[in-house]
Amino acid sequence: MRNAVWKISMLCGLSLLAGCSLSPEEKVSREQALQQAVLSFASDVVQGSWSQAYALTDGSLGSADQLKNQLVKSWVQDATLTNGDITSLAWVTDNTAKVKLTWSFQAGSVQSFSNETFVWVWKGNAWKYKGRALR
């Protein structure tokens, strides 16, 4: 009897997991939405539009100033941020992704780069910046 109950509960659990998976079309749609959200976020950061960049977060950082402080910690000192490009996207779950960005900086005639990986979450039918990924 215990075996039968265990088998039924496992089948129900598996069907629930299968029901939560995204269809291929939904996955493509979410990936496109993620790319657009990250590009908007990077563009806002490069332009120094911290309030607009903060609007693309999940709110866990508290304010646009806290977002700025978190991001600029690892950047090239005394250089101007000139660009942010998506290097890679990786799914963690259907609702979580890691995105690697390459930031470009200019200091006089010297150009430098910094790579960072960020976590994005699907929240309220949109992708939201969560924070840095642990390396």
N, C-alpha and C. Protein backbone atom coordinates (compact mmCIF):
# COMPACT_ATOMS: atom_id res chain seq x y z
N MET A 1 0.82 -1.19 0.00
CA MET A 1 0.00 0.00 0.00
C MET A 1 0.87 1.26 0.00
N ARG A 2 1.91 1.27 0.84
CA ARG A 2 2.79 2.44 0.88
C ARG A 2 3.45 2.66 -0.47
N ASN A 3 3.83 1.57 -1.13
CA ASN A 3 4.45 1.67 -2.45
C ASN A 3 3.50 2.33 -3.45
N ALA A 4 2.24 1.94 -3.42
CA ALA A 4 1.25 2.51 -4.35
C ALA A 4 1.06 3.99 -4.08
N VAL A 5 0.96 4.37 -2.81
CA VAL A 5 0.79 5.78 -2.46
C VAL A 5 2.01 6.57 -2.88
N TRP A 6 3.20 6.01 -2.65
CA TRP A 6 4.44 6.67 -3.03
C TRP A 6 4.49 6.88 -4.55
N LYS A 7 4.12 5.85 -5.32
CA LYS A 7 4.14 5.94 -6.78
C LYS A 7 3.16 7.00 -7.27
N ILE A 8 1.97 7.03 -6.68
CA ILE A 8 0.97 8.02 -7.08
C ILE A 8 1.45 9.42 -6.76
N SER A 9 2.04 9.61 -5.57
CA SER A 9 2.52 10.94 -5.21
C SER A 9 3.68 11.36 -6.11
N MET A 10 4.53 10.43 -6.49
CA MET A 10 5.63 10.75 -7.41
C MET A 10 5.09 11.14 -8.79
N LEU A 11 4.13 10.41 -9.29
CA LEU A 11 3.54 10.73 -10.59
C LEU A 11 2.86 12.10 -10.56
N CYS A 12 2.17 12.40 -9.47
CA CYS A 12 1.53 13.71 -9.35
C CYS A 12 2.58 14.81 -9.30
N GLY A 13 3.64 14.57 -8.55
CA GLY A 13 4.72 15.55 -8.46
C GLY A 13 5.37 15.79 -9.81
N LEU A 14 5.62 14.72 -10.56
CA LEU A 14 6.22 14.86 -11.88
C LEU A 14 5.30 15.58 -12.84
N SER A 15 4.00 15.30 -12.75
CA SER A 15 3.08 16.00 -13.67
C SER A 15 3.00 17.48 -13.32
N LEU A 16 3.12 17.82 -12.03
CA LEU A 16 3.14 19.23 -11.64
C LEU A 16 4.39 19.91 -12.18
N LEU A 17 5.53 19.24 -12.07
CA LEU A 17 6.76 19.80 -12.60
C LEU A 17 6.67 19.98 -14.11
N ALA A 18 6.14 18.99 -14.79
CA ALA A 18 6.01 19.08 -16.24
C ALA A 18 5.06 20.21 -16.62
N GLY A 19 4.01 20.41 -15.81
CA GLY A 19 3.06 21.48 -16.08
C GLY A 19 3.66 22.86 -15.91
N CYS A 20 4.73 22.97 -15.12
CA CYS A 20 5.36 24.25 -14.86
C CYS A 20 6.40 24.62 -15.92
N SER A 21 6.81 23.64 -16.71
CA SER A 21 7.84 23.91 -17.71
C SER A 21 7.28 24.78 -18.82
N LEU A 22 8.14 25.59 -19.37
CA LEU A 22 7.74 26.46 -20.48
C LEU A 22 7.74 25.70 -21.78
N SER A 23 6.83 26.06 -22.66
CA SER A 23 6.85 25.49 -24.00
C SER A 23 8.03 26.11 -24.75
N PRO A 24 8.46 25.50 -25.85
CA PRO A 24 9.56 26.08 -26.64
C PRO A 24 9.26 27.52 -27.08
N GLU A 25 8.01 27.80 -27.44
CA GLU A 25 7.63 29.14 -27.87
C GLU A 25 7.73 30.14 -26.71
N GLU A 26 7.27 29.70 -25.52
CA GLU A 26 7.35 30.56 -24.34
C GLU A 26 8.81 30.83 -23.97
N LYS A 27 9.64 29.82 -24.09
CA LYS A 27 11.06 29.98 -23.76
C LYS A 27 11.72 30.99 -24.69
N VAL A 28 11.42 30.90 -25.99
CA VAL A 28 11.97 31.85 -26.97
C VAL A 28 11.48 33.26 -26.66
N SER A 29 10.20 33.37 -26.35
CA SER A 29 9.62 34.68 -26.03
C SER A 29 10.27 35.28 -24.78
N ARG A 30 10.47 34.46 -23.76
CA ARG A 30 11.11 34.95 -22.54
C ARG A 30 12.57 35.32 -22.79
N GLU A 31 13.25 34.55 -23.63
CA GLU A 31 14.65 34.87 -23.92
C GLU A 31 14.75 36.21 -24.66
N GLN A 32 13.84 36.46 -25.60
CA GLN A 32 13.83 37.74 -26.30
C GLN A 32 13.53 38.88 -25.33
N ALA A 33 12.57 38.65 -24.43
CA ALA A 33 12.24 39.68 -23.43
C ALA A 33 13.43 39.93 -22.50
N LEU A 34 14.16 38.87 -22.15
CA LEU A 34 15.34 39.02 -21.30
C LEU A 34 16.41 39.85 -22.00
N GLN A 35 16.67 39.53 -23.26
CA GLN A 35 17.66 40.29 -24.01
C GLN A 35 17.30 41.77 -24.06
N GLN A 36 16.04 42.07 -24.32
CA GLN A 36 15.59 43.46 -24.39
C GLN A 36 15.72 44.16 -23.04
N ALA A 37 15.34 43.46 -21.96
CA ALA A 37 15.44 44.05 -20.63
C ALA A 37 16.89 44.35 -20.26
N VAL A 38 17.79 43.41 -20.57
CA VAL A 38 19.21 43.61 -20.23
C VAL A 38 19.81 44.73 -21.06
N LEU A 39 19.46 44.79 -22.35
CA LEU A 39 19.96 45.88 -23.19
C LEU A 39 19.47 47.23 -22.70
N SER A 40 18.21 47.31 -22.29
CA SER A 40 17.67 48.56 -21.73
C SER A 40 18.38 48.92 -20.44
N PHE A 41 18.59 47.93 -19.58
CA PHE A 41 19.29 48.14 -18.32
C PHE A 41 20.70 48.66 -18.57
N ALA A 42 21.44 48.00 -19.46
CA ALA A 42 22.82 48.42 -19.76
C ALA A 42 22.84 49.83 -20.34
N SER A 43 21.92 50.12 -21.24
CA SER A 43 21.85 51.45 -21.84
C SER A 43 21.56 52.52 -20.78
N ASP A 44 20.62 52.24 -19.88
CA ASP A 44 20.31 53.19 -18.81
C ASP A 44 21.51 53.42 -17.91
N VAL A 45 22.24 52.36 -17.59
CA VAL A 45 23.42 52.48 -16.73
C VAL A 45 24.50 53.31 -17.43
N VAL A 46 24.76 53.03 -18.70
CA VAL A 46 25.77 53.78 -19.46
C VAL A 46 25.41 55.26 -19.51
N GLN A 47 24.13 55.57 -19.68
CA GLN A 47 23.68 56.96 -19.75
C GLN A 47 23.59 57.61 -18.37
N GLY A 48 23.78 56.83 -17.32
CA GLY A 48 23.67 57.37 -15.97
C GLY A 48 22.24 57.61 -15.54
N SER A 49 21.30 56.94 -16.20
CA SER A 49 19.87 57.06 -15.85
C SER A 49 19.55 56.02 -14.78
N TRP A 50 20.03 56.28 -13.58
CA TRP A 50 19.93 55.30 -12.50
C TRP A 50 18.49 55.01 -12.08
N SER A 51 17.61 56.00 -12.15
CA SER A 51 16.21 55.76 -11.80
C SER A 51 15.55 54.82 -12.81
N GLN A 52 15.88 55.00 -14.08
CA GLN A 52 15.32 54.11 -15.11
C GLN A 52 15.89 52.71 -14.97
N ALA A 53 17.19 52.61 -14.69
CA ALA A 53 17.80 51.30 -14.49
C ALA A 53 17.19 50.63 -13.26
N TYR A 54 16.97 51.40 -12.20
CA TYR A 54 16.38 50.84 -10.98
C TYR A 54 14.97 50.30 -11.24
N ALA A 55 14.23 50.95 -12.14
CA ALA A 55 12.88 50.48 -12.46
C ALA A 55 12.90 49.08 -13.07
N LEU A 56 14.05 48.64 -13.57
CA LEU A 56 14.18 47.31 -14.16
C LEU A 56 14.69 46.27 -13.15
N THR A 57 14.73 46.65 -11.86
CA THR A 57 15.17 45.72 -10.82
C THR A 57 13.98 45.13 -10.10
N ASP A 58 14.25 44.13 -9.27
CA ASP A 58 13.18 43.53 -8.47
C ASP A 58 12.91 44.32 -7.19
N GLY A 59 13.62 45.44 -7.00
CA GLY A 59 13.41 46.29 -5.84
C GLY A 59 14.18 45.89 -4.60
N SER A 60 14.92 44.80 -4.67
CA SER A 60 15.62 44.31 -3.48
C SER A 60 16.79 45.19 -3.06
N LEU A 61 17.26 46.07 -3.93
CA LEU A 61 18.38 46.94 -3.57
C LEU A 61 17.94 48.20 -2.84
N GLY A 62 16.66 48.49 -2.84
CA GLY A 62 16.14 49.61 -2.04
C GLY A 62 16.04 50.94 -2.74
N SER A 63 17.04 51.31 -3.57
CA SER A 63 16.98 52.61 -4.24
C SER A 63 17.93 52.63 -5.45
N ALA A 64 17.75 53.66 -6.27
CA ALA A 64 18.61 53.84 -7.44
C ALA A 64 20.05 54.09 -7.00
N ASP A 65 20.24 54.81 -5.91
CA ASP A 65 21.60 55.07 -5.40
C ASP A 65 22.28 53.79 -4.95
N GLN A 66 21.52 52.91 -4.31
CA GLN A 66 22.11 51.63 -3.88
C GLN A 66 22.48 50.77 -5.09
N LEU A 67 21.67 50.81 -6.14
CA LEU A 67 22.00 50.10 -7.38
C LEU A 67 23.31 50.64 -7.94
N LYS A 68 23.41 51.96 -8.03
CA LYS A 68 24.62 52.59 -8.55
C LYS A 68 25.84 52.18 -7.72
N ASN A 69 25.73 52.28 -6.41
CA ASN A 69 26.84 51.93 -5.53
C ASN A 69 27.27 50.48 -5.71
N GLN A 70 26.29 49.59 -5.88
CA GLN A 70 26.61 48.17 -6.06
C GLN A 70 27.37 47.94 -7.38
N LEU A 71 26.90 48.59 -8.44
CA LEU A 71 27.51 48.35 -9.75
C LEU A 71 28.90 48.96 -9.89
N VAL A 72 29.09 50.19 -9.42
CA VAL A 72 30.35 50.89 -9.67
C VAL A 72 31.52 50.37 -8.83
N LYS A 73 31.25 49.56 -7.80
CA LYS A 73 32.31 49.04 -6.94
C LYS A 73 33.42 48.34 -7.73
N SER A 74 33.05 47.57 -8.73
CA SER A 74 34.03 46.75 -9.45
C SER A 74 34.51 47.39 -10.74
N TRP A 75 34.08 48.60 -11.02
CA TRP A 75 34.45 49.23 -12.29
C TRP A 75 35.82 49.87 -12.26
N VAL A 76 36.33 50.13 -13.44
CA VAL A 76 37.63 50.77 -13.61
C VAL A 76 37.56 52.19 -13.02
N GLN A 77 38.48 52.48 -12.13
CA GLN A 77 38.51 53.79 -11.47
C GLN A 77 38.87 54.89 -12.46
N ASP A 78 38.27 56.05 -12.32
CA ASP A 78 38.55 57.25 -13.12
C ASP A 78 38.41 57.02 -14.63
N ALA A 79 37.55 56.11 -15.02
CA ALA A 79 37.28 55.87 -16.44
C ALA A 79 35.80 56.14 -16.70
N THR A 80 35.48 56.42 -17.94
CA THR A 80 34.11 56.67 -18.34
C THR A 80 33.51 55.39 -18.91
N LEU A 81 32.37 54.99 -18.38
CA LEU A 81 31.67 53.83 -18.90
C LEU A 81 31.11 54.18 -20.27
N THR A 82 31.44 53.40 -21.29
CA THR A 82 31.01 53.72 -22.65
C THR A 82 30.02 52.72 -23.25
N ASN A 83 29.96 51.49 -22.71
CA ASN A 83 29.07 50.50 -23.31
C ASN A 83 28.87 49.32 -22.36
N GLY A 84 27.79 48.61 -22.58
CA GLY A 84 27.51 47.36 -21.89
C GLY A 84 26.93 46.37 -22.89
N ASP A 85 27.65 45.29 -23.16
CA ASP A 85 27.22 44.29 -24.15
C ASP A 85 26.93 42.95 -23.50
N ILE A 86 25.88 42.29 -23.98
CA ILE A 86 25.57 40.95 -23.51
C ILE A 86 26.59 39.99 -24.11
N THR A 87 27.26 39.22 -23.26
CA THR A 87 28.22 38.23 -23.71
C THR A 87 27.58 36.85 -23.76
N SER A 88 26.73 36.54 -22.77
CA SER A 88 26.05 35.25 -22.76
C SER A 88 24.81 35.29 -21.88
N LEU A 89 23.90 34.38 -22.19
CA LEU A 89 22.68 34.18 -21.40
C LEU A 89 22.62 32.71 -21.02
N ALA A 90 22.26 32.40 -19.79
CA ALA A 90 22.13 31.01 -19.37
C ALA A 90 20.91 30.86 -18.47
N TRP A 91 20.07 29.89 -18.78
CA TRP A 91 18.90 29.62 -17.96
C TRP A 91 19.34 28.89 -16.69
N VAL A 92 18.78 29.28 -15.55
CA VAL A 92 18.96 28.56 -14.30
C VAL A 92 17.70 27.73 -14.07
N THR A 93 16.55 28.40 -14.15
CA THR A 93 15.22 27.77 -14.12
C THR A 93 14.37 28.51 -15.15
N ASP A 94 13.11 28.15 -15.25
CA ASP A 94 12.21 28.85 -16.17
C ASP A 94 12.02 30.31 -15.76
N ASN A 95 12.28 30.62 -14.49
CA ASN A 95 12.05 31.97 -13.98
C ASN A 95 13.32 32.70 -13.56
N THR A 96 14.47 32.11 -13.80
CA THR A 96 15.75 32.70 -13.40
C THR A 96 16.77 32.49 -14.50
N ALA A 97 17.55 33.53 -14.76
CA ALA A 97 18.60 33.43 -15.77
C ALA A 97 19.83 34.20 -15.29
N LYS A 98 20.99 33.77 -15.80
CA LYS A 98 22.23 34.49 -15.55
C LYS A 98 22.66 35.13 -16.86
N VAL A 99 23.05 36.39 -16.78
CA VAL A 99 23.46 37.13 -17.96
C VAL A 99 24.85 37.71 -17.72
N LYS A 100 25.75 37.42 -18.63
CA LYS A 100 27.10 37.97 -18.53
C LYS A 100 27.18 39.21 -19.40
N LEU A 101 27.59 40.32 -18.78
CA LEU A 101 27.76 41.59 -19.49
C LEU A 101 29.24 41.96 -19.53
N THR A 102 29.64 42.54 -20.64
CA THR A 102 30.97 43.12 -20.74
C THR A 102 30.80 44.63 -20.75
N TRP A 103 31.31 45.28 -19.71
CA TRP A 103 31.29 46.74 -19.63
C TRP A 103 32.55 47.25 -20.31
N SER A 104 32.43 48.33 -21.08
CA SER A 104 33.58 48.97 -21.73
C SER A 104 33.81 50.33 -21.10
N PHE A 105 35.08 50.67 -20.87
CA PHE A 105 35.46 51.92 -20.23
C PHE A 105 36.51 52.63 -21.07
N GLN A 106 36.54 53.94 -20.97
CA GLN A 106 37.53 54.76 -21.67
C GLN A 106 38.17 55.70 -20.66
N ALA A 107 39.49 55.67 -20.60
CA ALA A 107 40.27 56.60 -19.76
C ALA A 107 41.35 57.17 -20.64
N GLY A 108 41.13 58.39 -21.15
CA GLY A 108 42.07 58.97 -22.12
C GLY A 108 42.06 58.13 -23.38
N SER A 109 43.23 57.65 -23.78
CA SER A 109 43.30 56.82 -24.98
C SER A 109 43.28 55.33 -24.66
N VAL A 110 43.09 54.99 -23.38
CA VAL A 110 43.10 53.59 -22.96
C VAL A 110 41.67 53.08 -22.80
N GLN A 111 41.39 51.99 -23.50
CA GLN A 111 40.08 51.35 -23.37
C GLN A 111 40.25 50.08 -22.54
N SER A 112 39.33 49.85 -21.62
CA SER A 112 39.39 48.65 -20.79
C SER A 112 38.01 48.02 -20.69
N PHE A 113 37.99 46.79 -20.20
CA PHE A 113 36.75 46.01 -20.15
C PHE A 113 36.63 45.30 -18.81
N SER A 114 35.39 45.06 -18.42
CA SER A 114 35.10 44.32 -17.20
C SER A 114 33.92 43.40 -17.47
N ASN A 115 34.04 42.13 -17.11
CA ASN A 115 32.95 41.17 -17.28
C ASN A 115 32.29 40.90 -15.94
N GLU A 116 30.97 40.90 -15.94
CA GLU A 116 30.20 40.58 -14.74
C GLU A 116 29.01 39.72 -15.11
N THR A 117 28.64 38.84 -14.19
CA THR A 117 27.47 37.99 -14.39
C THR A 117 26.39 38.42 -13.41
N PHE A 118 25.20 38.63 -13.95
CA PHE A 118 24.07 39.11 -13.16
C PHE A 118 22.92 38.11 -13.20
N VAL A 119 22.15 38.09 -12.13
CA VAL A 119 20.97 37.23 -12.04
C VAL A 119 19.74 38.07 -12.37
N TRP A 120 18.89 37.53 -13.22
CA TRP A 120 17.62 38.15 -13.58
C TRP A 120 16.50 37.17 -13.26
N VAL A 121 15.38 37.68 -12.75
CA VAL A 121 14.24 36.84 -12.39
C VAL A 121 12.99 37.29 -13.14
N TRP A 122 12.15 36.33 -13.47
CA TRP A 122 10.86 36.60 -14.11
C TRP A 122 9.87 36.93 -13.01
N LYS A 123 9.38 38.16 -12.99
CA LYS A 123 8.51 38.62 -11.92
C LYS A 123 7.46 39.55 -12.52
N GLY A 124 6.18 39.23 -12.31
CA GLY A 124 5.11 40.09 -12.80
C GLY A 124 5.10 40.22 -14.31
N ASN A 125 5.37 39.14 -15.01
CA ASN A 125 5.38 39.10 -16.48
C ASN A 125 6.48 39.94 -17.11
N ALA A 126 7.59 40.11 -16.40
CA ALA A 126 8.74 40.84 -16.94
C ALA A 126 10.01 40.36 -16.24
N TRP A 127 11.13 40.54 -16.90
CA TRP A 127 12.43 40.22 -16.31
C TRP A 127 12.88 41.38 -15.43
N LYS A 128 13.40 41.05 -14.26
CA LYS A 128 13.87 42.04 -13.31
C LYS A 128 15.29 41.68 -12.86
N TYR A 129 16.14 42.71 -12.78
CA TYR A 129 17.51 42.54 -12.29
C TYR A 129 17.47 42.21 -10.81
N LYS A 130 18.14 41.13 -10.42
CA LYS A 130 18.18 40.69 -9.02
C LYS A 130 19.49 41.09 -8.34
N GLY A 131 20.60 40.98 -9.07
CA GLY A 131 21.89 41.31 -8.49
C GLY A 131 23.01 40.53 -9.16
N ARG A 132 24.19 40.64 -8.61
CA ARG A 132 25.34 39.91 -9.14
C ARG A 132 25.22 38.43 -8.83
N ALA A 133 25.75 37.63 -9.74
CA ALA A 133 25.81 36.19 -9.50
C ALA A 133 27.10 35.89 -8.74
N LEU A 134 27.03 34.90 -7.88
CA LEU A 134 28.25 34.46 -7.20
C LEU A 134 29.13 33.80 -8.24
N ARG A 135 30.39 34.08 -8.18
CA ARG A 135 31.29 33.52 -9.19
C ARG A 135 31.73 32.14 -8.85
